[in-house]
C-alpha atoms as a PDB file:
ATOM      1  CA  MET A   1       4.976 -42.061 -10.698  1.00  0.00           C
ATOM      2  CA  PRO A   2       1.445 -40.555 -10.630  1.00  0.00           C
ATOM      3  CA  LYS A   3       0.906 -37.341 -12.544  1.00  0.00           C
ATOM      4  CA  VAL A   4       0.588 -34.201 -10.407  1.00  0.00           C
ATOM      5  CA  VAL A   5      -2.731 -32.471 -10.940  1.00  0.00           C
ATOM      6  CA  PRO A   6      -2.138 -28.664 -11.224  1.00  0.00           C
ATOM      7  CA  GLU A   7      -4.897 -27.875  -8.737  1.00  0.00           C
ATOM      8  CA  TYR A   8      -3.302 -30.170  -6.164  1.00  0.00           C
ATOM      9  CA  LYS A   9       0.125 -28.644  -6.779  1.00  0.00           C
ATOM     10  CA  GLU A  10      -1.206 -25.139  -6.154  1.00  0.00           C
ATOM     11  CA  GLU A  11      -2.938 -26.325  -2.985  1.00  0.00           C
ATOM     12  CA  ALA A  12       0.311 -27.908  -1.796  1.00  0.00           C
ATOM     13  CA  ARG A  13       2.234 -24.691  -2.503  1.00  0.00           C
ATOM     14  CA  ARG A  14      -0.274 -22.706  -0.502  1.00  0.00           C
ATOM     15  CA  ARG A  15      -0.021 -25.093   2.443  1.00  0.00           C
ATOM     16  CA  ILE A  16       3.767 -24.761   2.406  1.00  0.00           C
ATOM     17  CA  ILE A  17       3.545 -20.957   2.247  1.00  0.00           C
ATOM     18  CA  ASP A  18       1.103 -20.892   5.176  1.00  0.00           C
ATOM     19  CA  ALA A  19       3.345 -23.236   7.166  1.00  0.00           C
ATOM     20  CA  GLY A  20       6.422 -21.144   6.369  1.00  0.00           C
ATOM     21  CA  PHE A  21       4.560 -18.032   7.469  1.00  0.00           C
ATOM     22  CA  ALA A  22       3.563 -19.667  10.765  1.00  0.00           C
ATOM     23  CA  VAL A  23       7.015 -21.073  11.511  1.00  0.00           C
ATOM     24  CA  MET A  24       8.895 -17.921  10.532  1.00  0.00           C
ATOM     25  CA  SER A  25       6.536 -15.784  12.609  1.00  0.00           C
ATOM     26  CA  LYS A  26       7.425 -17.896  15.626  1.00  0.00           C
ATOM     27  CA  LYS A  27      11.125 -18.583  15.085  1.00  0.00           C
ATOM     28  CA  GLY A  28      12.251 -15.742  12.819  1.00  0.00           C
ATOM     29  CA  TYR A  29      13.902 -15.870   9.425  1.00  0.00           C
ATOM     30  CA  CYS A  30      17.434 -16.705  10.569  1.00  0.00           C
ATOM     31  CA  ALA A  31      16.445 -19.496  12.971  1.00  0.00           C
ATOM     32  CA  MET A  32      13.896 -21.066  10.660  1.00  0.00           C
ATOM     33  CA  LYS A  33      14.999 -24.121   8.684  1.00  0.00           C
ATOM     34  CA  MET A  34      13.241 -25.998   5.946  1.00  0.00           C
ATOM     35  CA  ASP A  35      13.264 -28.986   8.343  1.00  0.00           C
ATOM     36  CA  ASP A  36      11.045 -26.954  10.698  1.00  0.00           C
ATOM     37  CA  ILE A  37       8.497 -26.349   7.974  1.00  0.00           C
ATOM     38  CA  ALA A  38       8.569 -29.984   6.901  1.00  0.00           C
ATOM     39  CA  ALA A  39       7.990 -31.061  10.506  1.00  0.00           C
ATOM     40  CA  HIS A  40       5.137 -28.566  10.817  1.00  0.00           C
ATOM     41  CA  LEU A  41       3.467 -30.131   7.775  1.00  0.00           C
ATOM     42  CA  GLY A  42       4.407 -33.717   8.582  1.00  0.00           C
ATOM     43  CA  VAL A  43       6.247 -34.258   5.280  1.00  0.00           C
ATOM     44  CA  SER A  44       9.860 -34.853   4.243  1.00  0.00           C
ATOM     45  CA  LYS A  45      12.134 -31.881   3.580  1.00  0.00           C
ATOM     46  CA  GLY A  46      12.613 -33.137   0.040  1.00  0.00           C
ATOM     47  CA  THR A  47       8.920 -32.540  -0.620  1.00  0.00           C
ATOM     48  CA  LEU A  48       9.398 -28.816   0.032  1.00  0.00           C
ATOM     49  CA  TYR A  49      12.151 -28.568  -2.574  1.00  0.00           C
ATOM     50  CA  VAL A  50       9.758 -29.848  -5.220  1.00  0.00           C
ATOM     51  CA  TYR A  51       7.965 -26.508  -4.882  1.00  0.00           C
ATOM     52  CA  PHE A  52      10.686 -24.111  -3.662  1.00  0.00           C
ATOM     53  CA  ASN A  53      14.374 -24.249  -4.545  1.00  0.00           C
ATOM     54  CA  THR A  54      15.570 -22.273  -1.505  1.00  0.00           C
ATOM     55  CA  LYS A  55      14.329 -20.772   1.730  1.00  0.00           C
ATOM     56  CA  ASP A  56      14.531 -17.321   0.154  1.00  0.00           C
ATOM     57  CA  ASP A  57      12.196 -18.441  -2.649  1.00  0.00           C
ATOM     58  CA  LEU A  58       9.680 -19.408   0.007  1.00  0.00           C
ATOM     59  CA  VAL A  59      10.138 -16.089   1.828  1.00  0.00           C
ATOM     60  CA  LEU A  60       9.429 -14.207  -1.408  1.00  0.00           C
ATOM     61  CA  GLU A  61       6.152 -16.076  -1.758  1.00  0.00           C
ATOM     62  CA  ILE A  62       5.296 -15.187   1.841  1.00  0.00           C
ATOM     63  CA  ILE A  63       5.948 -11.512   1.000  1.00  0.00           C
ATOM     64  CA  LYS A  64       3.681 -11.886  -2.028  1.00  0.00           C
ATOM     65  CA  THR A  65       0.937 -13.299   0.197  1.00  0.00           C
ATOM     66  CA  ILE A  66       1.294 -10.372   2.607  1.00  0.00           C
ATOM     67  CA  HIS A  67       0.994  -7.979  -0.330  1.00  0.00           C
ATOM     68  CA  GLU A  68      -2.182  -9.674  -1.573  1.00  0.00           C
ATOM     69  CA  ASP A  69      -3.740  -9.433   1.895  1.00  0.00           C
ATOM     70  CA  VAL A  70      -2.814  -5.733   2.127  1.00  0.00           C
ATOM     71  CA  GLU A  71      -4.241  -5.068  -1.337  1.00  0.00           C
ATOM     72  CA  ALA A  72      -7.533  -6.805  -0.496  1.00  0.00           C
ATOM     73  CA  THR A  73      -7.836  -4.848   2.757  1.00  0.00           C
ATOM     74  CA  ALA A  74      -7.103  -1.566   0.972  1.00  0.00           C
ATOM     75  CA  LYS A  75      -9.682  -2.173  -1.748  1.00  0.00           C
ATOM     76  CA  ALA A  76     -12.340  -2.993   0.818  1.00  0.00           C
ATOM     77  CA  GLY A  77     -11.670   0.136   2.869  1.00  0.00           C
ATOM     78  CA  PHE A  78     -10.890   2.823   0.304  1.00  0.00           C
ATOM     79  CA  ASN A  79     -14.102   2.249  -1.605  1.00  0.00           C
ATOM     80  CA  SER A  80     -16.413   2.830   1.348  1.00  0.00           C
ATOM     81  CA  THR A  81     -14.887   5.277   3.852  1.00  0.00           C
ATOM     82  CA  THR A  82     -13.166   8.650   4.087  1.00  0.00           C
ATOM     83  CA  PRO A  83      -9.417   8.762   3.271  1.00  0.00           C
ATOM     84  CA  LEU A  84      -8.378   9.086   6.927  1.00  0.00           C
ATOM     85  CA  GLU A  85     -10.702   6.277   8.041  1.00  0.00           C
ATOM     86  CA  ALA A  86      -9.413   4.037   5.245  1.00  0.00           C
ATOM     87  CA  TRP A  87      -5.773   4.607   6.126  1.00  0.00           C
ATOM     88  CA  THR A  88      -6.517   4.131   9.828  1.00  0.00           C
ATOM     89  CA  ALA A  89      -8.169   0.798   9.012  1.00  0.00           C
ATOM     90  CA  MET A  90      -4.972  -0.142   7.178  1.00  0.00           C
ATOM     91  CA  LEU A  91      -2.926   0.780  10.245  1.00  0.00           C
ATOM     92  CA  ASP A  92      -5.195  -1.354  12.439  1.00  0.00           C
ATOM     93  CA  TYR A  93      -4.632  -4.225  10.011  1.00  0.00           C
ATOM     94  CA  PHE A  94      -0.847  -3.830  10.197  1.00  0.00           C
ATOM     95  CA  MET A  95      -0.853  -3.538  13.977  1.00  0.00           C
ATOM     96  CA  ALA A  96      -2.955  -6.681  14.358  1.00  0.00           C
ATOM     97  CA  LYS A  97      -0.657  -8.600  12.015  1.00  0.00           C
ATOM     98  CA  GLN A  98       2.397  -7.271  13.774  1.00  0.00           C
ATOM     99  CA  ALA A  99       1.072  -8.405  17.146  1.00  0.00           C
ATOM    100  CA  ALA A 100       0.257 -11.854  15.797  1.00  0.00           C
ATOM    101  CA  ASN A 101       3.512 -12.406  13.915  1.00  0.00           C
ATOM    102  CA  ASN A 102       5.927 -10.596  16.215  1.00  0.00           C
ATOM    103  CA  SER A 103       8.838  -9.023  14.312  1.00  0.00           C
ATOM    104  CA  LEU A 104       8.489 -11.009  11.081  1.00  0.00           C
ATOM    105  CA  PHE A 105       8.080  -8.093   8.713  1.00  0.00           C
ATOM    106  CA  THR A 106      10.837  -6.072  10.394  1.00  0.00           C
ATOM    107  CA  GLU A 107      13.218  -9.029  10.130  1.00  0.00           C
ATOM    108  CA  VAL A 108      12.433  -9.475   6.453  1.00  0.00           C
ATOM    109  CA  MET A 109      13.125  -5.762   5.953  1.00  0.00           C
ATOM    110  CA  ALA A 110      16.505  -6.199   7.639  1.00  0.00           C
ATOM    111  CA  MET A 111      17.310  -9.281   5.537  1.00  0.00           C
ATOM    112  CA  ALA A 112      16.781  -7.186   2.409  1.00  0.00           C
ATOM    113  CA  ALA A 113      20.145  -5.572   3.172  1.00  0.00           C
ATOM    114  CA  ARG A 114      21.863  -8.983   3.000  1.00  0.00           C
ATOM    115  CA  SER A 115      19.911 -10.868   0.356  1.00  0.00           C
ATOM    116  CA  ASP A 116      19.646  -9.621  -3.217  1.00  0.00           C
ATOM    117  CA  SER A 117      16.625 -11.780  -3.954  1.00  0.00           C
ATOM    118  CA  ILE A 118      14.709 -10.661  -0.856  1.00  0.00           C
ATOM    119  CA  ARG A 119      15.615  -7.019  -1.456  1.00  0.00           C
ATOM    120  CA  GLU A 120      14.421  -7.203  -5.051  1.00  0.00           C
ATOM    121  CA  GLY A 121      11.191  -8.962  -4.152  1.00  0.00           C
ATOM    122  CA  LEU A 122      10.435  -6.651  -1.224  1.00  0.00           C
ATOM    123  CA  SER A 123      11.249  -3.482  -3.153  1.00  0.00           C
ATOM    124  CA  GLN A 124       8.912  -4.568  -5.944  1.00  0.00           C
ATOM    125  CA  LYS A 125       6.047  -5.100  -3.519  1.00  0.00           C
ATOM    126  CA  ILE A 126       6.624  -1.797  -1.708  1.00  0.00           C
ATOM    127  CA  ALA A 127       6.792  -0.037  -5.083  1.00  0.00           C
ATOM    128  CA  ILE A 128       3.387  -1.540  -5.917  1.00  0.00           C
ATOM    129  CA  TRP A 129       2.000  -0.365  -2.553  1.00  0.00           C
ATOM    130  CA  ILE A 130       3.209   3.169  -3.267  1.00  0.00           C
ATOM    131  CA  GLU A 131       1.836   3.088  -6.817  1.00  0.00           C
ATOM    132  CA  SER A 132      -1.551   1.816  -5.609  1.00  0.00           C
ATOM    133  CA  ALA A 133      -1.648   4.443  -2.868  1.00  0.00           C
ATOM    134  CA  THR A 134      -0.762   7.118  -5.438  1.00  0.00           C
ATOM    135  CA  ASP A 135      -3.632   6.065  -7.695  1.00  0.00           C
ATOM    136  CA  GLY A 136      -6.039   5.978  -4.748  1.00  0.00           C
ATOM    137  CA  ILE A 137      -5.043   9.428  -3.520  1.00  0.00           C
ATOM    138  CA  ALA A 138      -5.257  10.864  -7.048  1.00  0.00           C
ATOM    139  CA  SER A 139      -8.777   9.459  -7.329  1.00  0.00           C
ATOM    140  CA  GLN A 140      -9.719  10.949  -3.950  1.00  0.00           C
ATOM    141  CA  GLN A 141      -8.333  14.313  -5.041  1.00  0.00           C
ATOM    142  CA  SER A 142     -10.436  14.228  -8.184  1.00  0.00           C
ATOM    143  CA  GLN A 143     -13.500  13.608  -5.988  1.00  0.00           C
ATOM    144  CA  GLY A 144     -12.645  16.526  -3.740  1.00  0.00           C
ATOM    145  CA  LEU A 145     -11.970  14.284  -0.732  1.00  0.00           C
ATOM    146  CA  VAL A 146      -8.291  15.227  -0.326  1.00  0.00           C
ATOM    147  CA  ARG A 147      -6.631  18.617  -0.679  1.00  0.00           C
ATOM    148  CA  GLN A 148      -4.709  19.161  -3.882  1.00  0.00           C
ATOM    149  CA  ASP A 149      -1.796  21.195  -2.543  1.00  0.00           C
ATOM    150  CA  THR A 150       0.474  18.113  -2.690  1.00  0.00           C
ATOM    151  CA  ASP A 151       0.948  15.758  -5.621  1.00  0.00           C
ATOM    152  CA  PRO A 152      -0.461  12.263  -4.928  1.00  0.00           C
ATOM    153  CA  ARG A 153       2.819  10.340  -5.187  1.00  0.00           C
ATOM    154  CA  THR A 154       4.530  12.525  -2.598  1.00  0.00           C
ATOM    155  CA  LEU A 155       1.624  12.043  -0.204  1.00  0.00           C
ATOM    156  CA  ALA A 156       1.550   8.289  -0.855  1.00  0.00           C
ATOM    157  CA  LEU A 157       5.295   7.944  -0.235  1.00  0.00           C
ATOM    158  CA  VAL A 158       5.047   9.915   3.011  1.00  0.00           C
ATOM    159  CA  ILE A 159       2.160   7.815   4.347  1.00  0.00           C
ATOM    160  CA  VAL A 160       3.756   4.467   3.405  1.00  0.00           C
ATOM    161  CA  SER A 161       7.009   5.593   5.053  1.00  0.00           C
ATOM    162  CA  ILE A 162       5.132   6.569   8.216  1.00  0.00           C
ATOM    163  CA  PHE A 163       3.394   3.194   8.309  1.00  0.00           C
ATOM    164  CA  LEU A 164       6.679   1.293   7.978  1.00  0.00           C
ATOM    165  CA  GLY A 165       8.138   3.389  10.785  1.00  0.00           C
ATOM    166  CA  LEU A 166       5.110   2.804  13.008  1.00  0.00           C
ATOM    167  CA  GLN A 167       5.457  -0.929  12.481  1.00  0.00           C
ATOM    168  CA  ASN A 168       9.031  -0.750  13.729  1.00  0.00           C
ATOM    169  CA  LEU A 169       7.866   1.164  16.796  1.00  0.00           C
ATOM    170  CA  ALA A 170       5.354  -1.606  17.507  1.00  0.00           C
ATOM    171  CA  VAL A 171       8.156  -4.183  17.372  1.00  0.00           C
ATOM    172  CA  THR A 172      10.152  -2.248  19.982  1.00  0.00           C
ATOM    173  CA  GLY A 173       7.194  -2.340  22.363  1.00  0.00           C
ATOM    174  CA  VAL A 174       5.602   1.080  21.931  1.00  0.00           C
ATOM    175  CA  ASP A 175       1.967   0.894  23.020  1.00  0.00           C
ATOM    176  CA  PRO A 176      -0.243   0.224  19.953  1.00  0.00           C
ATOM    177  CA  THR A 177      -2.888   2.528  21.395  1.00  0.00           C
ATOM    178  CA  GLU A 178      -0.437   5.420  21.442  1.00  0.00           C
ATOM    179  CA  ILE A 179       0.759   4.554  17.924  1.00  0.00           C
ATOM    180  CA  ARG A 180      -2.830   4.770  16.703  1.00  0.00           C
ATOM    181  CA  GLU A 181      -3.434   8.065  18.504  1.00  0.00           C
ATOM    182  CA  ARG A 182      -0.262   9.609  17.055  1.00  0.00           C
ATOM    183  CA  TRP A 183      -1.192   8.408  13.586  1.00  0.00           C
ATOM    184  CA  MET A 184      -4.635   9.981  13.907  1.00  0.00           C
ATOM    185  CA  ALA A 185      -2.967  13.286  14.809  1.00  0.00           C
ATOM    186  CA  MET A 186      -0.598  13.054  11.828  1.00  0.00           C
ATOM    187  CA  GLY A 187      -3.361  11.789   9.560  1.00  0.00           C
ATOM    188  CA  LYS A 188      -5.525  14.825  10.253  1.00  0.00           C
ATOM    189  CA  LEU A 189      -2.667  16.992   9.008  1.00  0.00           C
ATOM    190  CA  LEU A 190      -1.981  14.878   5.926  1.00  0.00           C
ATOM    191  CA  LEU A 191      -5.586  13.988   5.116  1.00  0.00           C
ATOM    192  CA  PRO A 192      -7.779  16.687   6.641  1.00  0.00           C
ATOM    193  CA  SER A 193     -11.515  16.250   6.327  1.00  0.00           C
ATOM    194  CA  LEU A 194     -12.762  18.896   3.931  1.00  0.00           C
ATOM    195  CA  SER A 195     -15.806  20.960   4.782  1.00  0.00           C
ATOM    196  CA  SER A 196     -18.767  20.930   2.434  1.00  0.00           C
ATOM    197  CA  GLU A 197     -17.613  24.301   1.077  1.00  0.00           C
ATOM    198  CA  GLU A 198     -14.146  22.942   0.328  1.00  0.00           C
ATOM    199  CA  LYS A 199     -15.268  19.714  -1.315  1.00  0.00           C
ATOM    200  CA  ILE A 200     -15.220  19.742  -5.076  1.00  0.00           C
ATOM    201  CA  PRO A 201     -18.568  18.699  -6.596  1.00  0.00           C
ATOM    202  CA  SER A 202     -18.078  16.014  -9.227  1.00  0.00           C
ATOM    203  CA  THR A 203     -20.162  18.047 -11.677  1.00  0.00           C
ATOM    204  CA  ARG A 204     -17.455  20.697 -11.691  1.00  0.00           C
ATOM    205  CA  ILE A 205     -14.548  18.367 -12.400  1.00  0.00           C
ATOM    206  CA  ASN A 206     -15.413  17.866 -16.046  1.00  0.00           C
ATOM    207  CA  ILE A 207     -16.714  21.350 -16.734  1.00  0.00           C
ATOM    208  CA  CYS A 208     -13.723  22.280 -18.897  1.00  0.00           C
ATOM    209  CA  PRO A 209     -12.055  19.889 -21.377  1.00  0.00           C
ATOM    210  CA  LEU A 210      -8.732  21.680 -20.944  1.00  0.00           C
ATOM    211  CA  VAL A 211      -8.761  21.373 -17.155  1.00  0.00           C
ATOM    212  CA  THR A 212      -9.883  17.738 -17.339  1.00  0.00           C
ATOM    213  CA  GLU A 213      -7.008  16.902 -19.692  1.00  0.00           C
ATOM    214  CA  ILE A 214      -4.447  18.646 -17.492  1.00  0.00           C
ATOM    215  CA  LEU A 215      -5.692  17.021 -14.280  1.00  0.00           C
ATOM    216  CA  THR A 216      -5.547  13.595 -15.931  1.00  0.00           C
ATOM    217  CA  LEU A 217      -1.957  14.228 -17.000  1.00  0.00           C
ATOM    218  CA  GLU A 218      -1.109  15.488 -13.512  1.00  0.00           C
ATOM    219  CA  GLN A 219      -2.455  12.326 -11.864  1.00  0.00           C
ATOM    220  CA  LYS A 220      -0.647  10.017 -14.284  1.00  0.00           C
ATOM    221  CA  LYS A 221       2.698  11.759 -13.792  1.00  0.00           C
ATOM    222  CA  GLY A 222       2.258  12.108 -10.045  1.00  0.00           C
ATOM    223  CA  GLU A 223       3.419  15.718 -10.111  1.00  0.00           C
ATOM    224  CA  SER A 224       2.018  19.183 -10.609  1.00  0.00           C
ATOM    225  CA  VAL A 225       1.474  20.333 -14.180  1.00  0.00           C
ATOM    226  CA  LYS A 226       1.459  24.024 -15.097  1.00  0.00           C
ATOM    227  CA  ILE A 227      -1.968  25.154 -16.240  1.00  0.00           C
ATOM    228  CA  PRO A 228      -1.831  27.640 -19.123  1.00  0.00           C
ATOM    229  CA  SER A 229      -3.819  30.862 -19.216  1.00  0.00           C
ATOM    230  CA  CYS A 230      -7.458  30.653 -20.243  1.00  0.00           C
ATOM    231  CA  PRO A 231      -9.171  32.896 -22.830  1.00  0.00           C
ATOM    232  CA  ALA A 232     -10.783  36.011 -21.397  1.00  0.00           C
ATOM    233  CA  ASP A 233     -14.139  35.071 -22.895  1.00  0.00           C
ATOM    234  CA  CYS A 234     -14.280  31.629 -21.242  1.00  0.00           C
ATOM    235  CA  GLN A 235     -17.948  30.870 -20.482  1.00  0.00           C
ATOM    236  CA  ASN A 236     -17.130  28.496 -17.629  1.00  0.00           C
ATOM    237  CA  TYR A 237     -14.533  30.556 -15.775  1.00  0.00           C
ATOM    238  CA  ALA A 238     -16.849  31.589 -12.931  1.00  0.00           C
ATOM    239  CA  LYS A 239     -17.537  27.939 -12.139  1.00  0.00           C
ATOM    240  CA  CYS A 240     -13.974  26.704 -12.662  1.00  0.00           C
ATOM    241  CA  ARG A 241     -12.412  25.305  -9.497  1.00  0.00           C
ATOM    242  CA  ILE A 242      -8.886  26.141 -10.650  1.00  0.00           C
ATOM    243  CA  GLN A 243      -9.393  29.625 -12.159  1.00  0.00           C
ATOM    244  CA  PRO A 244      -6.055  30.203 -13.903  1.00  0.00           C
ATOM    245  CA  GLU A 245      -4.925  33.574 -15.217  1.00  0.00           C
ATOM    246  CA  LEU A 246      -7.060  34.957 -18.024  1.00  0.00           C
ATOM    247  CA  THR A 247      -5.555  36.291 -21.238  1.00  0.00           C
ATOM    248  CA  GLY A 248      -6.632  39.446 -23.045  1.00  0.00           C
ATOM    249  CA  LYS A 249      -7.155  41.526 -19.882  1.00  0.00           C
END
């Protein structure tokens, strides 16, 4: 039997994942059979089991592929636009995928209630989405692009939850145009554009070692951290964007 070259094996896996994605998008998770994927590729069903032990194993790889696409889209948008524009671009991405693949993602979400492996795989990916969104929002807060009256993880969890709900609305037939309009209205409340007076100049972020240390800790923990009082003779207090209570008054 000829030796399998690793590069060829990875290419074969990717072809199977793409075929599974296409077939499941058309037929749905429950109706899809490994025979359908084999027929789509023009190979025997046994060939598929060389790469995937079960249908659920294949579905988990499809979820992984979706996550990688989302991550690539997020990185491209969040580095070049305002927070609201970046999140709206993400919504447009989800709506386009939802239209193309019907109710695939919603069905996978429902299957998570019945399959331990799918639930575990999906929860891991959603947790990564939330963590990535938290890091992105924390970075935007440090740049003065997003208000700091809410900790970044709370805001990330709210936005991800809204997106998942909007996807479900799209599946039920709600007009995508209206979904986008309603998101824009909600997004302006969650991610308001700051005026030039409200934006925090980057030169003021690192003006105080104490404040810098506390803000870093706050972003890592994803929650507010109490800022202690500053000495009354602080030379940078007038320029400090936080201006805590002063001691010695």
